[in-house]
N, C-alpha and C. Protein backbone atom coordinates (compact mmCIF):
# COMPACT_ATOMS: atom_id res chain seq x y z
N MET A 1 -16.68 -33.57 -10.82
CA MET A 1 -15.55 -32.45 -10.17
C MET A 1 -14.78 -31.95 -11.72
N THR A 2 -14.52 -31.08 -12.03
CA THR A 2 -13.94 -30.42 -12.85
C THR A 2 -12.55 -30.51 -13.52
N GLY A 3 -11.88 -30.34 -12.41
CA GLY A 3 -10.41 -30.79 -12.52
C GLY A 3 -9.58 -31.82 -12.80
N THR A 4 -8.29 -31.87 -13.12
CA THR A 4 -7.56 -32.95 -13.22
C THR A 4 -7.54 -33.71 -12.66
N THR A 5 -7.70 -34.97 -12.56
CA THR A 5 -6.97 -35.78 -11.56
C THR A 5 -5.86 -37.02 -12.22
N PRO A 6 -5.38 -37.86 -11.29
CA PRO A 6 -4.47 -38.30 -11.87
C PRO A 6 -4.80 -39.21 -12.56
N ARG A 7 -4.12 -39.68 -13.42
CA ARG A 7 -4.56 -40.89 -13.91
C ARG A 7 -4.53 -42.34 -13.23
N GLN A 8 -5.62 -42.88 -13.81
CA GLN A 8 -5.66 -44.10 -12.83
C GLN A 8 -4.89 -44.83 -13.78
N GLU A 9 -4.00 -46.16 -12.83
CA GLU A 9 -3.24 -47.23 -13.92
C GLU A 9 -4.18 -47.90 -14.65
N GLN A 10 -3.93 -48.33 -15.25
CA GLN A 10 -4.75 -49.77 -16.46
C GLN A 10 -3.94 -50.76 -16.28
N PRO A 11 -4.12 -51.77 -16.62
CA PRO A 11 -3.50 -53.09 -17.04
C PRO A 11 -3.50 -53.23 -18.25
N LEU A 12 -1.79 -53.56 -18.29
CA LEU A 12 -1.15 -53.86 -19.07
C LEU A 12 -1.77 -54.41 -20.52
N SER A 13 -2.29 -54.59 -21.36
CA SER A 13 -3.12 -55.04 -22.39
C SER A 13 -2.60 -55.44 -23.39
N THR A 14 -1.60 -54.52 -23.78
CA THR A 14 -0.65 -54.77 -25.28
C THR A 14 0.51 -54.68 -25.25
N ALA A 15 1.65 -55.43 -26.08
CA ALA A 15 2.51 -55.81 -26.20
C ALA A 15 3.77 -54.38 -25.77
N GLY A 16 2.77 -53.54 -26.85
CA GLY A 16 3.17 -51.74 -26.44
C GLY A 16 3.16 -51.02 -25.07
N ASP A 17 2.18 -51.47 -24.40
CA ASP A 17 2.27 -51.04 -23.06
C ASP A 17 3.29 -51.80 -22.38
N ALA A 18 3.88 -52.91 -21.98
CA ALA A 18 4.87 -53.50 -22.12
C ALA A 18 6.16 -53.01 -22.57
N GLY A 19 6.56 -52.67 -23.35
CA GLY A 19 7.76 -51.91 -23.88
C GLY A 19 7.55 -50.78 -23.47
N LEU A 20 6.84 -49.80 -23.35
CA LEU A 20 6.63 -48.80 -22.59
C LEU A 20 7.13 -48.66 -21.34
N LEU A 21 6.50 -49.66 -20.70
CA LEU A 21 6.57 -50.21 -19.41
C LEU A 21 8.71 -50.08 -18.98
N ALA A 22 8.91 -50.82 -20.09
CA ALA A 22 10.72 -51.47 -19.98
C ALA A 22 11.49 -49.99 -20.25
N GLU A 23 10.83 -49.38 -21.06
CA GLU A 23 11.56 -48.66 -21.49
C GLU A 23 11.76 -47.30 -20.13
N VAL A 24 10.24 -46.96 -19.87
CA VAL A 24 10.59 -45.83 -18.59
C VAL A 24 11.41 -46.70 -17.22
N ASP A 25 11.48 -47.97 -17.10
CA ASP A 25 12.07 -48.44 -16.27
C ASP A 25 13.97 -48.45 -16.33
N GLU A 26 14.11 -48.69 -17.40
CA GLU A 26 15.55 -47.96 -17.89
C GLU A 26 15.93 -46.69 -17.72
N LEU A 27 14.54 -45.84 -18.23
CA LEU A 27 15.20 -44.15 -18.15
C LEU A 27 15.28 -44.11 -16.75
N ARG A 28 14.80 -44.87 -15.96
CA ARG A 28 14.69 -44.47 -14.33
C ARG A 28 15.90 -44.89 -13.93
N ALA A 29 16.59 -45.82 -14.20
CA ALA A 29 17.69 -46.52 -14.12
C ALA A 29 19.20 -45.53 -14.56
N ARG A 30 18.75 -45.20 -16.11
CA ARG A 30 19.87 -44.14 -16.12
C ARG A 30 19.84 -43.20 -15.05
N ASN A 31 18.74 -42.18 -15.10
CA ASN A 31 18.54 -41.19 -14.24
C ASN A 31 19.37 -41.27 -13.31
N GLU A 32 18.62 -42.59 -12.32
CA GLU A 32 19.49 -42.64 -10.92
C GLU A 32 21.27 -42.56 -11.09
N GLN A 33 21.60 -43.34 -12.20
CA GLN A 33 22.90 -43.61 -12.57
C GLN A 33 23.82 -42.33 -12.73
N LEU A 34 22.93 -41.38 -13.68
CA LEU A 34 23.46 -40.58 -13.81
C LEU A 34 23.69 -39.02 -12.68
N GLU A 35 22.38 -39.64 -11.83
CA GLU A 35 22.76 -38.26 -9.96
C GLU A 35 23.60 -39.09 -9.32
N GLN A 36 23.94 -39.76 -9.63
CA GLN A 36 25.41 -40.57 -8.53
C GLN A 36 26.13 -40.23 -9.66
N ALA A 37 26.61 -40.15 -10.72
CA ALA A 37 27.70 -39.94 -10.94
C ALA A 37 28.17 -38.55 -11.06
N LEU A 38 26.99 -37.42 -11.03
CA LEU A 38 27.00 -35.87 -10.92
C LEU A 38 27.35 -35.86 -8.68
N ALA A 39 26.97 -36.76 -8.24
CA ALA A 39 27.24 -36.64 -6.96
C ALA A 39 28.49 -37.14 -6.87
N SER A 40 29.44 -37.88 -7.35
CA SER A 40 30.85 -38.40 -7.07
C SER A 40 31.24 -37.20 -8.00
N ARG A 41 31.17 -36.72 -9.31
CA ARG A 41 32.05 -35.34 -9.69
C ARG A 41 32.16 -34.68 -8.60
N ALA A 42 31.39 -33.67 -7.77
CA ALA A 42 31.50 -32.94 -7.41
C ALA A 42 32.35 -33.65 -5.87
N VAL A 43 32.06 -34.32 -6.06
CA VAL A 43 33.15 -35.18 -4.64
C VAL A 43 34.85 -35.15 -5.27
N ILE A 44 34.72 -35.70 -6.22
CA ILE A 44 35.84 -36.07 -6.87
C ILE A 44 36.82 -34.49 -7.20
N ASP A 45 35.97 -33.33 -7.94
CA ASP A 45 36.22 -32.06 -7.83
C ASP A 45 36.89 -31.70 -6.67
N GLN A 46 36.11 -31.73 -5.56
CA GLN A 46 36.32 -30.77 -4.25
C GLN A 46 37.89 -31.78 -3.96
N ALA A 47 38.22 -32.94 -3.76
CA ALA A 47 39.10 -33.75 -3.57
C ALA A 47 40.26 -33.06 -4.77
N ARG A 48 39.90 -32.98 -5.76
CA ARG A 48 40.69 -32.31 -6.82
C ARG A 48 41.50 -31.17 -6.22
N GLY A 49 40.49 -30.19 -5.35
CA GLY A 49 40.98 -28.93 -5.59
C GLY A 49 42.04 -28.90 -4.16
N MET A 50 41.79 -30.42 -3.13
CA MET A 50 42.52 -30.21 -2.40
C MET A 50 44.06 -30.64 -2.61
N VAL A 51 44.12 -31.16 -3.43
CA VAL A 51 45.18 -31.94 -3.73
C VAL A 51 46.04 -30.71 -4.17
N MET A 52 45.35 -29.70 -5.23
CA MET A 52 45.81 -28.14 -5.92
C MET A 52 46.36 -27.47 -5.01
N ALA A 53 45.64 -27.46 -3.43
CA ALA A 53 46.19 -26.78 -2.49
C ALA A 53 47.12 -27.38 -1.77
N LEU A 54 47.30 -28.81 -1.47
CA LEU A 54 48.28 -29.32 -1.01
C LEU A 54 49.67 -29.26 -1.62
N ALA A 55 49.45 -29.54 -3.11
CA ALA A 55 50.74 -29.44 -3.42
C ALA A 55 50.79 -28.94 -4.91
N PRO A 56 51.04 -27.46 -4.98
CA PRO A 56 50.44 -26.31 -6.01
C PRO A 56 50.91 -27.19 -7.28
N CYS A 57 49.61 -27.67 -7.75
CA CYS A 57 49.95 -28.14 -9.69
C CYS A 57 48.37 -27.55 -10.30
N THR A 58 48.65 -28.36 -11.36
CA THR A 58 47.26 -28.21 -12.64
C THR A 58 46.27 -28.90 -11.76
N SER A 59 44.90 -28.77 -12.55
CA SER A 59 44.11 -29.25 -12.26
C SER A 59 44.53 -30.88 -12.87
N GLU A 60 44.76 -30.95 -14.08
CA GLU A 60 45.14 -32.14 -14.85
C GLU A 60 46.38 -33.20 -13.91
N ARG A 61 47.12 -32.50 -13.48
CA ARG A 61 47.93 -33.34 -12.68
C ARG A 61 47.36 -33.70 -11.27
N ALA A 62 46.69 -32.88 -10.41
CA ALA A 62 45.70 -33.29 -9.42
C ALA A 62 45.00 -34.55 -9.67
N TRP A 63 43.71 -34.88 -11.26
CA TRP A 63 43.55 -35.55 -11.51
C TRP A 63 44.23 -36.78 -11.41
N ASP A 64 45.66 -36.37 -12.30
CA ASP A 64 46.51 -37.69 -12.49
C ASP A 64 47.02 -38.03 -11.19
N LEU A 65 47.10 -37.58 -10.20
CA LEU A 65 47.28 -38.00 -8.49
C LEU A 65 46.55 -38.94 -7.74
N LEU A 66 45.18 -38.22 -8.40
CA LEU A 66 44.59 -38.81 -7.48
C LEU A 66 43.48 -40.56 -8.24
N VAL A 67 44.05 -40.50 -9.64
CA VAL A 67 43.92 -41.74 -10.31
C VAL A 67 44.80 -42.93 -9.53
N ASP A 68 46.61 -41.89 -10.03
CA ASP A 68 47.20 -43.07 -9.11
C ASP A 68 47.24 -43.68 -7.79
N VAL A 69 46.39 -43.00 -6.86
CA VAL A 69 46.61 -43.04 -5.78
C VAL A 69 45.12 -44.21 -5.82
N SER A 70 43.91 -43.80 -6.77
CA SER A 70 43.04 -44.95 -6.41
C SER A 70 43.86 -46.20 -7.10
N GLN A 71 44.47 -46.13 -8.11
CA GLN A 71 44.95 -47.66 -8.66
C GLN A 71 46.05 -47.88 -8.08
N ARG A 72 46.46 -47.76 -7.22
CA ARG A 72 47.93 -48.29 -6.29
C ARG A 72 47.28 -48.31 -4.87
N SER A 73 46.10 -48.39 -4.59
CA SER A 73 45.30 -48.49 -3.43
C SER A 73 44.40 -49.42 -3.35
N ASN A 74 43.90 -49.56 -4.65
CA ASN A 74 42.72 -50.50 -5.59
C ASN A 74 41.67 -50.51 -4.56
N ILE A 75 41.03 -48.58 -4.79
CA ILE A 75 40.01 -48.42 -3.88
C ILE A 75 39.51 -47.60 -5.32
N LYS A 76 38.20 -47.41 -5.05
CA LYS A 76 37.62 -46.67 -6.27
C LYS A 76 38.20 -45.41 -6.03
N LEU A 77 38.04 -44.73 -7.23
CA LEU A 77 38.21 -43.43 -7.37
C LEU A 77 37.92 -42.43 -6.56
N ARG A 78 36.08 -42.56 -6.54
CA ARG A 78 35.26 -41.78 -5.59
C ARG A 78 35.50 -41.83 -4.22
N ALA A 79 35.59 -43.07 -3.82
CA ALA A 79 35.88 -43.32 -2.70
C ALA A 79 36.90 -42.54 -1.90
N VAL A 80 38.45 -42.80 -2.98
CA VAL A 80 39.03 -41.94 -2.24
C VAL A 80 38.99 -40.59 -2.16
N ALA A 81 38.14 -40.26 -3.75
CA ALA A 81 37.64 -38.59 -3.11
C ALA A 81 37.51 -38.53 -1.87
N ALA A 82 36.47 -38.98 -1.75
CA ALA A 82 34.93 -38.73 -0.15
C ALA A 82 36.07 -38.73 0.80
N ALA A 83 36.73 -40.04 1.11
CA ALA A 83 37.65 -40.02 2.08
C ALA A 83 38.60 -38.93 2.06
N LEU A 84 39.36 -38.43 1.40
CA LEU A 84 40.03 -37.11 1.35
C LEU A 84 39.05 -35.93 1.72
N VAL A 85 38.29 -35.81 0.76
CA VAL A 85 37.37 -34.49 1.72
C VAL A 85 36.90 -34.82 2.84
N ALA A 86 36.54 -35.95 3.15
CA ALA A 86 36.12 -36.15 4.74
C ALA A 86 36.90 -36.06 5.80
N THR A 87 38.71 -35.36 5.77
CA THR A 87 39.23 -35.31 6.49
C THR A 87 39.14 -33.91 6.70
N THR A 88 38.23 -32.79 6.37
CA THR A 88 37.61 -31.19 6.17
C THR A 88 36.56 -32.22 7.78
N LYS A 89 36.23 -32.71 7.83
CA LYS A 89 35.47 -32.96 9.16
C LYS A 89 35.87 -33.71 10.06
N ASP A 90 37.51 -33.69 9.86
CA ASP A 90 38.33 -34.34 11.19
C ASP A 90 37.80 -35.90 11.20
N GLU A 91 37.62 -36.70 9.83
CA GLU A 91 38.06 -38.11 9.87
C GLU A 91 38.92 -38.19 9.23
N ALA A 92 39.48 -39.44 9.95
CA ALA A 92 40.87 -39.91 9.17
C ALA A 92 40.72 -40.44 7.97
N LEU A 93 42.06 -40.07 7.17
CA LEU A 93 42.20 -40.33 6.21
C LEU A 93 42.78 -42.16 6.05
N PRO A 94 41.96 -43.05 5.33
CA PRO A 94 42.06 -44.54 5.59
C PRO A 94 44.19 -44.75 5.42
N GLU A 95 44.21 -45.35 6.10
CA GLU A 95 45.89 -46.39 5.87
C GLU A 95 46.10 -45.95 4.70
N PRO A 96 46.13 -47.05 3.86
CA PRO A 96 45.99 -47.44 2.51
C PRO A 96 46.05 -46.13 1.41
N VAL A 97 45.09 -44.93 1.46
CA VAL A 97 44.74 -43.68 0.64
C VAL A 97 45.84 -42.94 1.86
N ARG A 98 46.18 -42.71 3.01
CA ARG A 98 46.85 -41.97 3.47
C ARG A 98 48.47 -42.24 3.19
N GLN A 99 48.83 -43.57 2.46
CA GLN A 99 50.07 -43.94 2.17
C GLN A 99 50.48 -43.47 1.09
N GLU A 100 49.89 -44.07 -0.18
CA GLU A 100 49.46 -43.94 -1.33
C GLU A 100 49.57 -42.60 -1.45
N LEU A 101 49.02 -41.46 -0.99
CA LEU A 101 48.78 -40.18 -0.98
C LEU A 101 50.29 -39.60 -0.94
N ARG A 102 50.63 -39.68 0.03
CA ARG A 102 51.72 -39.58 0.58
C ARG A 102 53.20 -40.10 -1.09
N GLN A 103 52.89 -41.28 -1.12
CA GLN A 103 53.80 -41.31 -1.68
C GLN A 103 54.06 -40.58 -3.09
N ALA A 104 52.77 -40.59 -3.76
CA ALA A 104 52.02 -39.77 -4.90
C ALA A 104 52.40 -38.38 -4.71
N LEU A 105 52.05 -37.82 -3.40
CA LEU A 105 52.91 -36.34 -3.55
C LEU A 105 53.96 -36.02 -3.29
N ARG A 106 55.02 -37.37 -3.01
CA ARG A 106 56.70 -37.65 -3.14
C ARG A 106 56.72 -37.37 -4.40
N ARG A 107 56.24 -37.96 -5.25
CA ARG A 107 56.61 -38.29 -6.88
C ARG A 107 56.02 -37.24 -7.58
N LEU A 108 55.48 -36.48 -7.43
CA LEU A 108 54.64 -35.61 -8.15
C LEU A 108 55.70 -34.37 -7.82
N GLN A 109 56.29 -33.95 -6.16
CA GLN A 109 57.25 -32.98 -6.27
C GLN A 109 59.04 -33.55 -6.52
N THR A 110 59.16 -34.91 -6.64
CA THR A 110 60.25 -35.32 -7.22
C THR A 110 60.52 -34.50 -9.01
N ALA A 111 59.14 -35.11 -9.73
CA ALA A 111 58.99 -34.64 -11.18
C ALA A 111 58.95 -33.11 -11.08
N ASP A 112 58.58 -32.15 -10.30
CA ASP A 112 58.86 -31.05 -10.42
C ASP A 112 59.85 -30.31 -10.51
N ARG A 113 60.80 -31.24 -9.75
CA ARG A 113 62.71 -30.48 -9.28
C ARG A 113 63.00 -30.89 -10.71
N ARG A 114 62.16 -31.71 -11.92
CA ARG A 114 64.03 -32.15 -12.61
C ARG A 114 63.24 -30.85 -14.01
């Protein structure tokens, strides 16, 4: 047959092969981490937009507010953002996030009045 066929895996024969395999494994792990980061970033950006609509503010202030809610509720930022975005699908906001978000929005409004 004259077409290309998948290369059959050969047993590791040298230290160079083992090093190459380790590098491939590391690159796969990095790729997975980057994919997760991109997915988290999209959710965080959506939540940021929601905060900007709730309390008219800049993107930077919305980011700070989400970080503040995350830190005060001791919940990862991406989880806070995902919970906020999930409310668009009629999911309830977890109580700790709801409380901290309410307080953060009040602090933001108070700061704007000054």
